[in-house]
Structure formats: C-alpha cells, structure tokens
C-alpha cells in the first residue's frame, strides 16, 4: 500500500522549491529595477544645467526664444 505521507511530503517539497525559486526571481527583478532607477536618477545631477544664461543682446550665440522677454508688443508698437 502506498504511503500517502510520502506523496504529500514530496508535493510540499516541490511546491516549496517552486515558491522559493519564484520569490528569488521576483526579488532579483525588483533589485534590477531599483538599480536601473538609481542609475537614471543619478544622471540628473550629472547632466542638468546649473545656470541658464539670459540673452544680453543681439549676437550669434543667443538661442531662439531666449529674447522673448526683451520684446513687449504693447509698448513697442
């Protein structure tokens, strides 16, 4: 006669092994996600601009749109 406890123990061991494997993989996925997010947020301090220069006059180095605050259409008519 087969032992029901042996089959139950084998089932529980297989289920526990599958559960630990799935848990480990999900934790590794979360770790990878947090490391990628940390790398992305760390780049902000590396690539942001500290000082935005205001255009001082007509020159070739002024970029488009920087002089919009110098012109008042109501006053300059």
C-alpha atoms as a PDB file:
ATOM      1  CA  UNK A   1       0.000   0.000   0.000  1.00  0.00           C
ATOM      2  CA  UNK A   2       1.459   3.386  -0.954  1.00  0.00           C
ATOM      3  CA  UNK A   3       2.318   5.796   1.806  1.00  0.00           C
ATOM      4  CA  UNK A   4       0.154   8.959   1.496  1.00  0.00           C
ATOM      5  CA  UNK A   5       2.520  10.975   3.704  1.00  0.00           C
ATOM      6  CA  UNK A   6       5.432  10.288   1.352  1.00  0.00           C
ATOM      7  CA  UNK A   7       3.488  11.680  -1.610  1.00  0.00           C
ATOM      8  CA  UNK A   8       2.323  14.662   0.442  1.00  0.00           C
ATOM      9  CA  UNK A   9       5.874  15.402   1.595  1.00  0.00           C
ATOM     10  CA  UNK A  10       7.176  15.178  -1.987  1.00  0.00           C
ATOM     11  CA  UNK A  11       4.405  17.529  -3.154  1.00  0.00           C
ATOM     12  CA  UNK A  12       5.139  20.022  -0.371  1.00  0.00           C
ATOM     13  CA  UNK A  13       8.874  19.912  -1.086  1.00  0.00           C
ATOM     14  CA  UNK A  14       8.304  20.516  -4.806  1.00  0.00           C
ATOM     15  CA  UNK A  15       5.850  23.334  -4.067  1.00  0.00           C
ATOM     16  CA  UNK A  16       8.271  24.948  -1.612  1.00  0.00           C
ATOM     17  CA  UNK A  17      11.137  24.722  -4.108  1.00  0.00           C
ATOM     18  CA  UNK A  18       8.986  26.320  -6.828  1.00  0.00           C
ATOM     19  CA  UNK A  19       7.856  29.061  -4.425  1.00  0.00           C
ATOM     20  CA  UNK A  20      11.417  29.893  -3.335  1.00  0.00           C
ATOM     21  CA  UNK A  21      12.609  29.977  -6.948  1.00  0.00           C
ATOM     22  CA  UNK A  22       9.772  32.315  -7.953  1.00  0.00           C
ATOM     23  CA  UNK A  23      10.388  34.532  -4.920  1.00  0.00           C
ATOM     24  CA  UNK A  24      14.105  34.756  -5.669  1.00  0.00           C
ATOM     25  CA  UNK A  25      13.454  35.651  -9.310  1.00  0.00           C
ATOM     26  CA  UNK A  26      10.943  38.344  -8.356  1.00  0.00           C
ATOM     27  CA  UNK A  27      13.361  39.829  -5.829  1.00  0.00           C
ATOM     28  CA  UNK A  28      16.129  39.848  -8.434  1.00  0.00           C
ATOM     29  CA  UNK A  29      13.747  41.632 -10.820  1.00  0.00           C
ATOM     30  CA  UNK A  30      12.953  44.272  -8.181  1.00  0.00           C
ATOM     31  CA  UNK A  31      16.661  44.682  -7.434  1.00  0.00           C
ATOM     32  CA  UNK A  32      17.392  45.192 -11.134  1.00  0.00           C
ATOM     33  CA  UNK A  33      14.533  47.703 -11.390  1.00  0.00           C
ATOM     34  CA  UNK A  34      15.758  49.723  -8.396  1.00  0.00           C
ATOM     35  CA  UNK A  35      19.347  49.720  -9.651  1.00  0.00           C
ATOM     36  CA  UNK A  36      18.232  50.941 -13.079  1.00  0.00           C
ATOM     37  CA  UNK A  37      16.105  53.648 -11.469  1.00  0.00           C
ATOM     38  CA  UNK A  38      19.024  54.703  -9.277  1.00  0.00           C
ATOM     39  CA  UNK A  39      21.312  54.945 -12.316  1.00  0.00           C
ATOM     40  CA  UNK A  40      18.707  57.002 -14.177  1.00  0.00           C
ATOM     41  CA  UNK A  41      18.132  59.400 -11.273  1.00  0.00           C
ATOM     42  CA  UNK A  42      21.873  59.697 -10.684  1.00  0.00           C
ATOM     43  CA  UNK A  43      22.273  61.074 -14.223  1.00  0.00           C
ATOM     44  CA  UNK A  44      20.095  64.079 -13.351  1.00  0.00           C
ATOM     45  CA  UNK A  45      22.812  65.591 -11.192  1.00  0.00           C
ATOM     46  CA  UNK A  46      25.357  64.861 -13.901  1.00  0.00           C
ATOM     47  CA  UNK A  47      23.578  66.379 -16.909  1.00  0.00           C
ATOM     48  CA  UNK A  48      21.410  69.196 -15.539  1.00  0.00           C
ATOM     49  CA  UNK A  49      22.213  72.835 -16.206  1.00  0.00           C
ATOM     50  CA  UNK A  50      23.175  74.889 -13.186  1.00  0.00           C
ATOM     51  CA  UNK A  51      22.846  78.310 -14.740  1.00  0.00           C
ATOM     52  CA  UNK A  52      20.587  79.496 -17.538  1.00  0.00           C
ATOM     53  CA  UNK A  53      22.085  82.494 -19.261  1.00  0.00           C
ATOM     54  CA  UNK A  54      19.781  85.362 -20.190  1.00  0.00           C
ATOM     55  CA  UNK A  55      20.437  86.921 -23.560  1.00  0.00           C
ATOM     56  CA  UNK A  56      22.303  90.211 -23.222  1.00  0.00           C
ATOM     57  CA  UNK A  57      21.964  91.454 -26.764  1.00  0.00           C
ATOM     58  CA  UNK A  58      21.892  90.528 -30.400  1.00  0.00           C
ATOM     59  CA  UNK A  59      24.617  88.003 -31.018  1.00  0.00           C
ATOM     60  CA  UNK A  60      25.131  84.790 -32.904  1.00  0.00           C
ATOM     61  CA  UNK A  61      25.377  82.771 -29.678  1.00  0.00           C
ATOM     62  CA  UNK A  62      21.857  83.634 -28.457  1.00  0.00           C
ATOM     63  CA  UNK A  63      19.458  80.783 -28.938  1.00  0.00           C
ATOM     64  CA  UNK A  64      15.983  81.015 -30.405  1.00  0.00           C
ATOM     65  CA  UNK A  65      13.405  82.016 -27.828  1.00  0.00           C
ATOM     66  CA  UNK A  66      15.768  83.473 -25.234  1.00  0.00           C
ATOM     67  CA  UNK A  67      14.983  87.040 -26.253  1.00  0.00           C
ATOM     68  CA  UNK A  68      11.227  86.678 -25.914  1.00  0.00           C
ATOM     69  CA  UNK A  69      11.284  88.511 -22.555  1.00  0.00           C
ATOM     70  CA  UNK A  70      13.031  91.548 -24.121  1.00  0.00           C
ATOM     71  CA  UNK A  71      10.182  92.336 -26.510  1.00  0.00           C
ATOM     72  CA  UNK A  72       6.920  93.903 -25.333  1.00  0.00           C
ATOM     73  CA  UNK A  73       4.481  94.092 -28.272  1.00  0.00           C
ATOM     74  CA  UNK A  74       2.164  96.511 -26.459  1.00  0.00           C
ATOM     75  CA  UNK A  75       4.918  99.013 -25.708  1.00  0.00           C
ATOM     76  CA  UNK A  76       6.959  98.683 -28.915  1.00  0.00           C
ATOM     77  CA  UNK A  77       4.104  99.461 -31.317  1.00  0.00           C
END
